[in-house]
Amino acid sequence: FALFIMLRSVLRYWAGVKSATTPRSVDYGEELTIWDFRKRDAVQHWRCICDNDVKGLSRANFETNGKGTGAVFQGILNTEIPVGTNVKYSGYCAIRSNPKKVSALHSSTIIISG
C-alpha cells in the first residue's frame, strides 16, 4: 500500500513537471500572457545583470513598482572603463529570465503585460 501511494505521488509530480515544461500550441487570434508583472513574485523569476558583475561601474535593479500595476527596471549606465582592471568595454544593464516554452506559430497576438 505504501509503495502504491509513493508511486502515485511520483506520477503526479512527474505530470506536473511535464505540463510545466511542455510547450503548448496557441490558437490563431488567442492572446497569450507570457509574463504578468502585476504579480508581486513575477520579478523573482528574473535576474538583473550589469557590468558591475565583471568589475564595471554600472548599477541596475528590477522590482515591482509597489502599486501592483507592473515592475520597474532602473539603474545607472556607466561606460567609463574601470581603472586597474582588464576590462576593455563597459556599460551594460539587462534583465534575463528563463523563457517560458510556448509555440506561437499559429498565434497573431502575444501579450507581455506589465
PDB file of N, CA and C in Angstrom:
ATOM      1  N   PHE A   1       0.825  -1.202   0.000  1.00  0.00           N
ATOM      2  CA  PHE A   1       0.000   0.000   0.000  1.00  0.00           C
ATOM      3  C   PHE A   1       0.862   1.256   0.000  1.00  0.00           C
ATOM      4  N   ALA A   2       1.929   1.255   0.832  1.00  0.00           N
ATOM      5  CA  ALA A   2       2.824   2.418   0.892  1.00  0.00           C
ATOM      6  C   ALA A   2       3.524   2.626  -0.450  1.00  0.00           C
ATOM      7  N   LEU A   3       3.884   1.549  -1.102  1.00  0.00           N
ATOM      8  CA  LEU A   3       4.518   1.652  -2.415  1.00  0.00           C
ATOM      9  C   LEU A   3       3.554   2.258  -3.430  1.00  0.00           C
ATOM     10  N   PHE A   4       2.282   1.879  -3.350  1.00  0.00           N
ATOM     11  CA  PHE A   4       1.273   2.430  -4.245  1.00  0.00           C
ATOM     12  C   PHE A   4       1.149   3.950  -4.055  1.00  0.00           C
ATOM     13  N   ILE A   5       1.114   4.394  -2.799  1.00  0.00           N
ATOM     14  CA  ILE A   5       0.993   5.825  -2.509  1.00  0.00           C
ATOM     15  C   ILE A   5       2.228   6.569  -3.004  1.00  0.00           C
ATOM     16  N   MET A   6       3.410   5.986  -2.783  1.00  0.00           N
ATOM     17  CA  MET A   6       4.642   6.620  -3.245  1.00  0.00           C
ATOM     18  C   MET A   6       4.661   6.703  -4.769  1.00  0.00           C
ATOM     19  N   LEU A   7       4.266   5.633  -5.442  1.00  0.00           N
ATOM     20  CA  LEU A   7       4.238   5.611  -6.897  1.00  0.00           C
ATOM     21  C   LEU A   7       3.247   6.643  -7.432  1.00  0.00           C
ATOM     22  N   ARG A   8       2.076   6.734  -6.799  1.00  0.00           N
ATOM     23  CA  ARG A   8       1.075   7.713  -7.214  1.00  0.00           C
ATOM     24  C   ARG A   8       1.612   9.137  -7.048  1.00  0.00           C
ATOM     25  N   SER A   9       2.329   9.395  -5.937  1.00  0.00           N
ATOM     26  CA  SER A   9       2.918  10.720  -5.707  1.00  0.00           C
ATOM     27  C   SER A   9       3.948  11.055  -6.771  1.00  0.00           C
ATOM     28  N   VAL A  10       4.788  10.093  -7.114  1.00  0.00           N
ATOM     29  CA  VAL A  10       5.812  10.306  -8.139  1.00  0.00           C
ATOM     30  C   VAL A  10       5.156  10.590  -9.484  1.00  0.00           C
ATOM     31  N   LEU A  11       4.117   9.845  -9.819  1.00  0.00           N
ATOM     32  CA  LEU A  11       3.430  10.060 -11.097  1.00  0.00           C
ATOM     33  C   LEU A  11       2.758  11.429 -11.147  1.00  0.00           C
ATOM     34  N   ARG A  12       2.141  11.857 -10.045  1.00  0.00           N
ATOM     35  CA  ARG A  12       1.532  13.187 -10.006  1.00  0.00           C
ATOM     36  C   ARG A  12       2.600  14.273 -10.131  1.00  0.00           C
ATOM     37  N   TYR A  13       3.721  14.078  -9.452  1.00  0.00           N
ATOM     38  CA  TYR A  13       4.823  15.049  -9.544  1.00  0.00           C
ATOM     39  C   TYR A  13       5.305  15.135 -10.985  1.00  0.00           C
ATOM     40  N   TRP A  14       5.537  13.991 -11.616  1.00  0.00           N
ATOM     41  CA  TRP A  14       6.032  13.970 -12.984  1.00  0.00           C
ATOM     42  C   TRP A  14       5.028  14.615 -13.937  1.00  0.00           C
ATOM     43  N   ALA A  15       3.742  14.387 -13.737  1.00  0.00           N
ATOM     44  CA  ALA A  15       2.725  15.006 -14.589  1.00  0.00           C
ATOM     45  C   ALA A  15       2.779  16.525 -14.444  1.00  0.00           C
ATOM     46  N   GLY A  16       2.998  17.025 -13.236  1.00  0.00           N
ATOM     47  CA  GLY A  16       3.118  18.464 -13.020  1.00  0.00           C
ATOM     48  C   GLY A  16       4.339  19.044 -13.695  1.00  0.00           C
ATOM     49  N   VAL A  17       5.468  18.349 -13.583  1.00  0.00           N
ATOM     50  CA  VAL A  17       6.704  18.801 -14.234  1.00  0.00           C
ATOM     51  C   VAL A  17       6.531  18.797 -15.743  1.00  0.00           C
ATOM     52  N   LYS A  18       5.943  17.731 -16.258  1.00  0.00           N
ATOM     53  CA  LYS A  18       5.752  17.617 -17.704  1.00  0.00           C
ATOM     54  C   LYS A  18       4.847  18.725 -18.231  1.00  0.00           C
ATOM     55  N   SER A  19       3.753  19.013 -17.528  1.00  0.00           N
ATOM     56  CA  SER A  19       2.848  20.055 -18.013  1.00  0.00           C
ATOM     57  C   SER A  19       3.474  21.440 -17.907  1.00  0.00           C
ATOM     58  N   ALA A  20       4.372  21.636 -16.933  1.00  0.00           N
ATOM     59  CA  ALA A  20       5.020  22.942 -16.775  1.00  0.00           C
ATOM     60  C   ALA A  20       6.124  23.163 -17.801  1.00  0.00           C
ATOM     61  N   THR A  21       6.679  22.098 -18.346  1.00  0.00           N
ATOM     62  CA  THR A  21       7.804  22.239 -19.268  1.00  0.00           C
ATOM     63  C   THR A  21       7.456  21.917 -20.717  1.00  0.00           C
ATOM     64  N   THR A  22       6.252  21.429 -20.974  1.00  0.00           N
ATOM     65  CA  THR A  22       5.858  21.079 -22.327  1.00  0.00           C
ATOM     66  C   THR A  22       5.268  22.300 -23.029  1.00  0.00           C
ATOM     67  N   PRO A  23       5.798  22.646 -24.206  1.00  0.00           N
ATOM     68  CA  PRO A  23       5.220  23.777 -24.935  1.00  0.00           C
ATOM     69  C   PRO A  23       3.781  23.474 -25.325  1.00  0.00           C
ATOM     70  N   ARG A  24       2.946  24.484 -25.296  1.00  0.00           N
ATOM     71  CA  ARG A  24       1.578  24.285 -25.734  1.00  0.00           C
ATOM     72  C   ARG A  24       1.326  25.145 -26.962  1.00  0.00           C
ATOM     73  N   SER A  25       0.469  24.665 -27.825  1.00  0.00           N
ATOM     74  CA  SER A  25       0.126  25.411 -29.031  1.00  0.00           C
ATOM     75  C   SER A  25      -0.804  26.555 -28.680  1.00  0.00           C
ATOM     76  N   VAL A  26      -0.690  27.619 -29.427  1.00  0.00           N
ATOM     77  CA  VAL A  26      -1.544  28.784 -29.254  1.00  0.00           C
ATOM     78  C   VAL A  26      -2.387  28.916 -30.510  1.00  0.00           C
ATOM     79  N   ASP A  27      -3.685  29.010 -30.320  1.00  0.00           N
ATOM     80  CA  ASP A  27      -4.590  29.130 -31.461  1.00  0.00           C
ATOM     81  C   ASP A  27      -4.488  30.513 -32.091  1.00  0.00           C
ATOM     82  N   TYR A  28      -4.775  30.583 -33.388  1.00  0.00           N
ATOM     83  CA  TYR A  28      -4.742  31.850 -34.107  1.00  0.00           C
ATOM     84  C   TYR A  28      -5.693  32.832 -33.438  1.00  0.00           C
ATOM     85  N   GLY A  29      -5.225  34.021 -33.161  1.00  0.00           N
ATOM     86  CA  GLY A  29      -6.042  35.051 -32.544  1.00  0.00           C
ATOM     87  C   GLY A  29      -6.087  34.998 -31.029  1.00  0.00           C
ATOM     88  N   GLU A  30      -5.561  33.942 -30.447  1.00  0.00           N
ATOM     89  CA  GLU A  30      -5.575  33.812 -28.983  1.00  0.00           C
ATOM     90  C   GLU A  30      -4.509  34.718 -28.377  1.00  0.00           C
ATOM     91  N   GLU A  31      -4.859  35.423 -27.315  1.00  0.00           N
ATOM     92  CA  GLU A  31      -3.887  36.233 -26.602  1.00  0.00           C
ATOM     93  C   GLU A  31      -3.190  35.357 -25.575  1.00  0.00           C
ATOM     94  N   LEU A  32      -1.896  35.500 -25.468  1.00  0.00           N
ATOM     95  CA  LEU A  32      -1.107  34.688 -24.553  1.00  0.00           C
ATOM     96  C   LEU A  32      -0.254  35.606 -23.696  1.00  0.00           C
ATOM     97  N   THR A  33      -0.481  35.607 -22.403  1.00  0.00           N
ATOM     98  CA  THR A  33       0.329  36.397 -21.485  1.00  0.00           C
ATOM     99  C   THR A  33       1.538  35.565 -21.097  1.00  0.00           C
ATOM    100  N   ILE A  34       2.718  36.068 -21.406  1.00  0.00           N
ATOM    101  CA  ILE A  34       3.937  35.343 -21.080  1.00  0.00           C
ATOM    102  C   ILE A  34       4.413  35.711 -19.684  1.00  0.00           C
ATOM    103  N   TRP A  35       4.470  36.980 -19.370  1.00  0.00           N
ATOM    104  CA  TRP A  35       4.839  37.435 -18.029  1.00  0.00           C
ATOM    105  C   TRP A  35       3.839  38.479 -17.572  1.00  0.00           C
ATOM    106  N   ASP A  36       3.373  38.353 -16.361  1.00  0.00           N
ATOM    107  CA  ASP A  36       2.448  39.326 -15.789  1.00  0.00           C
ATOM    108  C   ASP A  36       3.155  39.976 -14.611  1.00  0.00           C
ATOM    109  N   PHE A  37       3.659  41.170 -14.820  1.00  0.00           N
ATOM    110  CA  PHE A  37       4.438  41.848 -13.786  1.00  0.00           C
ATOM    111  C   PHE A  37       3.575  42.497 -12.710  1.00  0.00           C
ATOM    112  N   ARG A  38       2.258  42.315 -12.803  1.00  0.00           N
ATOM    113  CA  ARG A  38       1.399  42.808 -11.730  1.00  0.00           C
ATOM    114  C   ARG A  38       1.478  41.900 -10.509  1.00  0.00           C
ATOM    115  N   LYS A  39       1.929  40.677 -10.698  1.00  0.00           N
ATOM    116  CA  LYS A  39       2.083  39.738  -9.582  1.00  0.00           C
ATOM    117  C   LYS A  39       3.388  40.039  -8.866  1.00  0.00           C
ATOM    118  N   ARG A  40       3.319  40.117  -7.547  1.00  0.00           N
ATOM    119  CA  ARG A  40       4.491  40.513  -6.764  1.00  0.00           C
ATOM    120  C   ARG A  40       5.690  39.587  -6.949  1.00  0.00           C
ATOM    121  N   ASP A  41       5.456  38.296  -7.136  1.00  0.00           N
ATOM    122  CA  ASP A  41       6.575  37.371  -7.250  1.00  0.00           C
ATOM    123  C   ASP A  41       7.111  37.241  -8.675  1.00  0.00           C
ATOM    124  N   ALA A  42       6.534  37.970  -9.634  1.00  0.00           N
ATOM    125  CA  ALA A  42       6.964  37.850 -11.031  1.00  0.00           C
ATOM    126  C   ALA A  42       8.430  38.228 -11.210  1.00  0.00           C
ATOM    127  N   VAL A  43       8.900  39.245 -10.505  1.00  0.00           N
ATOM    128  CA  VAL A  43      10.287  39.682 -10.687  1.00  0.00           C
ATOM    129  C   VAL A  43      11.280  38.677 -10.105  1.00  0.00           C
ATOM    130  N   GLN A  44      10.819  37.782  -9.256  1.00  0.00           N
ATOM    131  CA  GLN A  44      11.714  36.773  -8.692  1.00  0.00           C
ATOM    132  C   GLN A  44      12.167  35.776  -9.749  1.00  0.00           C
ATOM    133  N   HIS A  45      11.446  35.711 -10.865  1.00  0.00           N
ATOM    134  CA  HIS A  45      11.804  34.796 -11.946  1.00  0.00           C
ATOM    135  C   HIS A  45      12.775  35.443 -12.937  1.00  0.00           C
ATOM    136  N   TRP A  46      13.195  36.653 -12.637  1.00  0.00           N
ATOM    137  CA  TRP A  46      14.108  37.402 -13.497  1.00  0.00           C
ATOM    138  C   TRP A  46      15.400  37.681 -12.759  1.00  0.00           C
ATOM    139  N   ARG A  47      16.447  37.892 -13.508  1.00  0.00           N
ATOM    140  CA  ARG A  47      17.746  38.226 -12.923  1.00  0.00           C
ATOM    141  C   ARG A  47      18.234  39.510 -13.565  1.00  0.00           C
ATOM    142  N   CYS A  48      18.584  40.448 -12.732  1.00  0.00           N
ATOM    143  CA  CYS A  48      19.112  41.722 -13.205  1.00  0.00           C
ATOM    144  C   CYS A  48      20.631  41.585 -13.297  1.00  0.00           C
ATOM    145  N   ILE A  49      21.188  41.929 -14.443  1.00  0.00           N
ATOM    146  CA  ILE A  49      22.637  41.846 -14.621  1.00  0.00           C
ATOM    147  C   ILE A  49      23.165  43.185 -15.135  1.00  0.00           C
ATOM    148  N   CYS A  50      24.406  43.463 -14.844  1.00  0.00           N
ATOM    149  CA  CYS A  50      25.055  44.665 -15.363  1.00  0.00           C
ATOM    150  C   CYS A  50      26.559  44.459 -15.324  1.00  0.00           C
ATOM    151  N   ASP A  51      27.304  45.394 -15.895  1.00  0.00           N
ATOM    152  CA  ASP A  51      28.753  45.220 -15.958  1.00  0.00           C
ATOM    153  C   ASP A  51      29.413  45.268 -14.583  1.00  0.00           C
ATOM    154  N   ASN A  52      28.672  45.667 -13.563  1.00  0.00           N
ATOM    155  CA  ASN A  52      29.188  45.620 -12.195  1.00  0.00           C
ATOM    156  C   ASN A  52      29.551  44.186 -11.801  1.00  0.00           C
ATOM    157  N   ASP A  53      28.884  43.209 -12.428  1.00  0.00           N
ATOM    158  CA  ASP A  53      29.180  41.798 -12.165  1.00  0.00           C
ATOM    159  C   ASP A  53      30.588  41.419 -12.617  1.00  0.00           C
ATOM    160  N   VAL A  54      31.146  42.202 -13.547  1.00  0.00           N
ATOM    161  CA  VAL A  54      32.502  41.935 -14.049  1.00  0.00           C
ATOM    162  C   VAL A  54      33.392  43.163 -13.849  1.00  0.00           C
ATOM    163  N   LYS A  55      33.227  43.821 -12.718  1.00  0.00           N
ATOM    164  CA  LYS A  55      34.046  44.959 -12.281  1.00  0.00           C
ATOM    165  C   LYS A  55      33.773  46.258 -13.032  1.00  0.00           C
ATOM    166  N   GLY A  56      32.605  46.338 -13.698  1.00  0.00           N
ATOM    167  CA  GLY A  56      32.218  47.597 -14.341  1.00  0.00           C
ATOM    168  C   GLY A  56      31.596  48.543 -13.325  1.00  0.00           C
ATOM    169  N   LEU A  57      31.171  49.707 -13.786  1.00  0.00           N
ATOM    170  CA  LEU A  57      30.668  50.744 -12.887  1.00  0.00           C
ATOM    171  C   LEU A  57      29.161  50.978 -12.988  1.00  0.00           C
ATOM    172  N   SER A  58      28.463  50.221 -13.821  1.00  0.00           N
ATOM    173  CA  SER A  58      27.016  50.371 -13.962  1.00  0.00           C
ATOM    174  C   SER A  58      26.301  49.694 -12.791  1.00  0.00           C
ATOM    175  N   ARG A  59      25.092  50.182 -12.504  1.00  0.00           N
ATOM    176  CA  ARG A  59      24.260  49.617 -11.441  1.00  0.00           C
ATOM    177  C   ARG A  59      22.825  49.522 -11.960  1.00  0.00           C
ATOM    178  N   ALA A  60      22.113  48.473 -11.589  1.00  0.00           N
ATOM    179  CA  ALA A  60      20.720  48.336 -12.014  1.00  0.00           C
ATOM    180  C   ALA A  60      19.953  47.462 -11.034  1.00  0.00           C
ATOM    181  N   ASN A  61      18.627  47.631 -11.045  1.00  0.00           N
ATOM    182  CA  ASN A  61      17.765  46.738 -10.278  1.00  0.00           C
ATOM    183  C   ASN A  61      16.422  46.600 -10.986  1.00  0.00           C
ATOM    184  N   PHE A  62      15.699  45.562 -10.620  1.00  0.00           N
ATOM    185  CA  PHE A  62      14.412  45.249 -11.218  1.00  0.00           C
ATOM    186  C   PHE A  62      13.492  44.822 -10.096  1.00  0.00           C
ATOM    187  N   GLU A  63      12.401  45.567  -9.901  1.00  0.00           N
ATOM    188  CA  GLU A  63      11.498  45.274  -8.790  1.00  0.00           C
ATOM    189  C   GLU A  63      10.076  45.701  -9.135  1.00  0.00           C
ATOM    190  N   THR A  64       9.124  45.182  -8.372  1.00  0.00           N
ATOM    191  CA  THR A  64       7.744  45.600  -8.585  1.00  0.00           C
ATOM    192  C   THR A  64       7.621  47.071  -8.228  1.00  0.00           C
ATOM    193  N   ASN A  65       6.658  47.739  -8.831  1.00  0.00           N
ATOM    194  CA  ASN A  65       6.525  49.176  -8.609  1.00  0.00           C
ATOM    195  C   ASN A  65       5.813  49.510  -7.301  1.00  0.00           C
ATOM    196  N   GLY A  66       5.373  48.520  -6.548  1.00  0.00           N
ATOM    197  CA  GLY A  66       4.728  48.766  -5.268  1.00  0.00           C
ATOM    198  C   GLY A  66       3.249  49.097  -5.371  1.00  0.00           C
ATOM    199  N   LYS A  67       2.762  49.353  -6.578  1.00  0.00           N
ATOM    200  CA  LYS A  67       1.345  49.686  -6.787  1.00  0.00           C
ATOM    201  C   LYS A  67       0.553  48.477  -7.272  1.00  0.00           C
ATOM    202  N   GLY A  68       1.275  47.389  -7.611  1.00  0.00           N
ATOM    203  CA  GLY A  68       0.597  46.215  -8.147  1.00  0.00           C
ATOM    204  C   GLY A  68       0.197  46.361  -9.594  1.00  0.00           C
ATOM    205  N   THR A  69       0.805  47.320 -10.290  1.00  0.00           N
ATOM    206  CA  THR A  69       0.455  47.552 -11.691  1.00  0.00           C
ATOM    207  C   THR A  69       1.582  47.205 -12.652  1.00  0.00           C
ATOM    208  N   GLY A  70       2.731  46.783 -12.142  1.00  0.00           N
ATOM    209  CA  GLY A  70       3.844  46.451 -13.029  1.00  0.00           C
ATOM    210  C   GLY A  70       5.156  46.379 -12.291  1.00  0.00           C
ATOM    211  N   ALA A  71       6.227  46.470 -13.035  1.00  0.00           N
ATOM    212  CA  ALA A  71       7.574  46.382 -12.485  1.00  0.00           C
ATOM    213  C   ALA A  71       8.435  47.489 -13.096  1.00  0.00           C
ATOM    214  N   VAL A  72       9.545  47.789 -12.434  1.00  0.00           N
ATOM    215  CA  VAL A  72      10.433  48.860 -12.872  1.00  0.00           C
ATOM    216  C   VAL A  72      11.857  48.316 -12.985  1.00  0.00           C
ATOM    217  N   PHE A  73      12.453  48.529 -14.149  1.00  0.00           N
ATOM    218  CA  PHE A  73      13.868  48.229 -14.376  1.00  0.00           C
ATOM    219  C   PHE A  73      14.563  49.582 -14.429  1.00  0.00           C
ATOM    220  N   GLN A  74      15.482  49.823 -13.498  1.00  0.00           N
ATOM    221  CA  GLN A  74      16.135  51.122 -13.452  1.00  0.00           C
ATOM    222  C   GLN A  74      17.572  50.976 -12.980  1.00  0.00           C
ATOM    223  N   GLY A  75      18.355  52.012 -13.236  1.00  0.00           N
ATOM    224  CA  GLY A  75      19.736  51.997 -12.788  1.00  0.00           C
ATOM    225  C   GLY A  75      20.538  53.113 -13.428  1.00  0.00           C
ATOM    226  N   ILE A  76      21.835  52.969 -13.342  1.00  0.00           N
ATOM    227  CA  ILE A  76      22.763  53.943 -13.910  1.00  0.00           C
ATOM    228  C   ILE A  76      23.695  53.201 -14.848  1.00  0.00           C
ATOM    229  N   LEU A  77      23.702  53.605 -16.093  1.00  0.00           N
ATOM    230  CA  LEU A  77      24.581  53.020 -17.092  1.00  0.00           C
ATOM    231  C   LEU A  77      25.843  53.858 -17.165  1.00  0.00           C
ATOM    232  N   ASN A  78      26.981  53.245 -16.885  1.00  0.00           N
ATOM    233  CA  ASN A  78      28.243  53.961 -16.862  1.00  0.00           C
ATOM    234  C   ASN A  78      29.207  53.300 -17.846  1.00  0.00           C
ATOM    235  N   THR A  79      29.648  54.054 -18.849  1.00  0.00           N
ATOM    236  CA  THR A  79      30.531  53.497 -19.878  1.00  0.00           C
ATOM    237  C   THR A  79      32.015  53.742 -19.600  1.00  0.00           C
ATOM    238  N   GLU A  80      32.323  54.306 -18.439  1.00  0.00           N
ATOM    239  CA  GLU A  80      33.736  54.523 -18.095  1.00  0.00           C
ATOM    240  C   GLU A  80      34.436  53.179 -17.885  1.00  0.00           C
ATOM    241  N   ILE A  81      35.688  53.111 -18.346  1.00  0.00           N
ATOM    242  CA  ILE A  81      36.488  51.905 -18.129  1.00  0.00           C
ATOM    243  C   ILE A  81      37.070  51.973 -16.716  1.00  0.00           C
ATOM    244  N   PRO A  82      36.801  50.964 -15.874  1.00  0.00           N
ATOM    245  CA  PRO A  82      37.320  50.996 -14.507  1.00  0.00           C
ATOM    246  C   PRO A  82      38.852  50.945 -14.490  1.00  0.00           C
ATOM    247  N   VAL A  83      39.437  51.761 -13.656  1.00  0.00           N
ATOM    248  CA  VAL A  83      40.897  51.821 -13.526  1.00  0.00           C
ATOM    249  C   VAL A  83      41.390  50.566 -12.799  1.00  0.00           C
ATOM    250  N   GLY A  84      42.537  50.051 -13.232  1.00  0.00           N
ATOM    251  CA  GLY A  84      43.154  48.919 -12.562  1.00  0.00           C
ATOM    252  C   GLY A  84      42.525  47.576 -12.862  1.00  0.00           C
ATOM    253  N   THR A  85      41.788  47.474 -13.972  1.00  0.00           N
ATOM    254  CA  THR A  85      41.179  46.193 -14.365  1.00  0.00           C
ATOM    255  C   THR A  85      41.568  45.859 -15.796  1.00  0.00           C
ATOM    256  N   ASN A  86      41.232  44.664 -16.214  1.00  0.00           N
ATOM    257  CA  ASN A  86      41.472  44.242 -17.605  1.00  0.00           C
ATOM    258  C   ASN A  86      40.255  44.496 -18.480  1.00  0.00           C
ATOM    259  N   VAL A  87      39.271  45.215 -17.965  1.00  0.00           N
ATOM    260  CA  VAL A  87      38.040  45.491 -18.713  1.00  0.00           C
ATOM    261  C   VAL A  87      38.354  46.397 -19.890  1.00  0.00           C
ATOM    262  N   LYS A  88      37.905  45.991 -21.099  1.00  0.00           N
ATOM    263  CA  LYS A  88      38.141  46.784 -22.301  1.00  0.00           C
ATOM    264  C   LYS A  88      36.904  47.560 -22.729  1.00  0.00           C
ATOM    265  N   TYR A  89      35.711  47.010 -22.431  1.00  0.00           N
ATOM    266  CA  TYR A  89      34.450  47.652 -22.797  1.00  0.00           C
ATOM    267  C   TYR A  89      33.573  47.669 -21.551  1.00  0.00           C
ATOM    268  N   SER A  90      32.812  48.702 -21.401  1.00  0.00           N
ATOM    269  CA  SER A  90      31.992  48.812 -20.210  1.00  0.00           C
ATOM    270  C   SER A  90      30.676  49.494 -20.542  1.00  0.00           C
ATOM    271  N   GLY A  91      29.656  49.207 -19.741  1.00  0.00           N
ATOM    272  CA  GLY A  91      28.380  49.891 -19.876  1.00  0.00           C
ATOM    273  C   GLY A  91      27.263  49.023 -20.392  1.00  0.00           C
ATOM    274  N   TYR A  92      26.749  48.111 -19.572  1.00  0.00           N
ATOM    275  CA  TYR A  92      25.540  47.388 -19.946  1.00  0.00           C
ATOM    276  C   TYR A  92      24.721  47.043 -18.713  1.00  0.00           C
ATOM    277  N   CYS A  93      23.428  47.000 -18.910  1.00  0.00           N
ATOM    278  CA  CYS A  93      22.463  46.580 -17.892  1.00  0.00           C
ATOM    279  C   CYS A  93      21.364  45.804 -18.616  1.00  0.00           C
ATOM    280  N   ALA A  94      20.863  44.762 -17.992  1.00  0.00           N
ATOM    281  CA  ALA A  94      19.810  43.963 -18.627  1.00  0.00           C
ATOM    282  C   ALA A  94      19.073  43.144 -17.574  1.00  0.00           C
ATOM    283  N   ILE A  95      17.932  42.610 -17.973  1.00  0.00           N
ATOM    284  CA  ILE A  95      17.244  41.610 -17.170  1.00  0.00           C
ATOM    285  C   ILE A  95      17.142  40.355 -18.017  1.00  0.00           C
ATOM    286  N   ARG A  96      17.232  39.226 -17.348  1.00  0.00           N
ATOM    287  CA  ARG A  96      17.157  37.938 -18.044  1.00  0.00           C
ATOM    288  C   ARG A  96      16.266  36.998 -17.261  1.00  0.00           C
ATOM    289  N   SER A  97      15.652  36.106 -17.975  1.00  0.00           N
ATOM    290  CA  SER A  97      14.827  35.091 -17.346  1.00  0.00           C
ATOM    291  C   SER A  97      14.870  33.831 -18.179  1.00  0.00           C
ATOM    292  N   ASN A  98      14.526  32.735 -17.546  1.00  0.00           N
ATOM    293  CA  ASN A  98      14.345  31.518 -18.309  1.00  0.00           C
ATOM    294  C   ASN A  98      13.054  31.662 -19.082  1.00  0.00           C
ATOM    295  N   PRO A  99      13.105  31.514 -20.389  1.00  0.00           N
ATOM    296  CA  PRO A  99      11.884  31.718 -21.173  1.00  0.00           C
ATOM    297  C   PRO A  99      10.862  30.625 -20.899  1.00  0.00           C
ATOM    298  N   LYS A 100       9.597  31.006 -20.950  1.00  0.00           N
ATOM    299  CA  LYS A 100       8.532  30.013 -20.872  1.00  0.00           C
ATOM    300  C   LYS A 100       8.428  29.368 -22.235  1.00  0.00           C
ATOM    301  N   LYS A 101       8.176  28.072 -22.260  1.00  0.00           N
ATOM    302  CA  LYS A 101       8.098  27.352 -23.517  1.00  0.00           C
ATOM    303  C   LYS A 101       6.681  27.417 -24.065  1.00  0.00           C
ATOM    304  N   VAL A 102       6.533  28.099 -25.189  1.00  0.00           N
ATOM    305  CA  VAL A 102       5.245  28.175 -25.872  1.00  0.00           C
ATOM    306  C   VAL A 102       5.492  28.056 -27.360  1.00  0.00           C
ATOM    307  N   SER A 103       4.501  27.631 -28.060  1.00  0.00           N
ATOM    308  CA  SER A 103       4.559  27.583 -29.510  1.00  0.00           C
ATOM    309  C   SER A 103       3.637  28.668 -30.044  1.00  0.00           C
ATOM    310  N   ALA A 104       4.211  29.680 -30.647  1.00  0.00           N
ATOM    311  CA  ALA A 104       3.411  30.796 -31.145  1.00  0.00           C
ATOM    312  C   ALA A 104       3.325  30.771 -32.665  1.00  0.00           C
ATOM    313  N   LEU A 105       3.474  29.601 -33.247  1.00  0.00           N
ATOM    314  CA  LEU A 105       3.467  29.507 -34.704  1.00  0.00           C
ATOM    315  C   LEU A 105       2.127  29.895 -35.308  1.00  0.00           C
ATOM    316  N   HIS A 106       1.040  29.674 -34.557  1.00  0.00           N
ATOM    317  CA  HIS A 106      -0.285  29.944 -35.105  1.00  0.00           C
ATOM    318  C   HIS A 106      -0.954  31.120 -34.406  1.00  0.00           C
ATOM    319  N   SER A 107      -0.189  31.894 -33.647  1.00  0.00           N
ATOM    320  CA  SER A 107      -0.772  32.994 -32.890  1.00  0.00           C
ATOM    321  C   SER A 107      -0.556  34.316 -33.595  1.00  0.00           C
ATOM    322  N   SER A 108      -1.547  35.171 -33.507  1.00  0.00           N
ATOM    323  CA  SER A 108      -1.386  36.505 -34.079  1.00  0.00           C
ATOM    324  C   SER A 108      -1.052  37.526 -33.001  1.00  0.00           C
ATOM    325  N   THR A 109      -1.270  37.188 -31.714  1.00  0.00           N
ATOM    326  CA  THR A 109      -1.048  38.147 -30.643  1.00  0.00           C
ATOM    327  C   THR A 109      -0.397  37.460 -29.462  1.00  0.00           C
ATOM    328  N   ILE A 110       0.733  37.995 -29.020  1.00  0.00           N
ATOM    329  CA  ILE A 110       1.364  37.561 -27.776  1.00  0.00           C
ATOM    330  C   ILE A 110       1.497  38.788 -26.916  1.00  0.00           C
ATOM    331  N   ILE A 111       0.986  38.739 -25.698  1.00  0.00           N
ATOM    332  CA  ILE A 111       0.999  39.892 -24.810  1.00  0.00           C
ATOM    333  C   ILE A 111       2.002  39.673 -23.699  1.00  0.00           C
ATOM    334  N   ILE A 112       2.878  40.629 -23.513  1.00  0.00           N
ATOM    335  CA  ILE A 112       3.755  40.666 -22.346  1.00  0.00           C
ATOM    336  C   ILE A 112       3.271  41.854 -21.542  1.00  0.00           C
ATOM    337  N   SER A 113       2.511  41.584 -20.488  1.00  0.00           N
ATOM    338  CA  SER A 113       1.887  42.686 -19.758  1.00  0.00           C
ATOM    339  C   SER A 113       2.767  43.133 -18.619  1.00  0.00           C
ATOM    340  N   GLY A 114       2.599  44.375 -18.232  1.00  0.00           N
ATOM    341  CA  GLY A 114       3.354  44.874 -17.103  1.00  0.00           C
ATOM    342  C   GLY A 114       3.705  46.304 -17.218  1.00  0.00           C
TER     343      GLY A 114
END
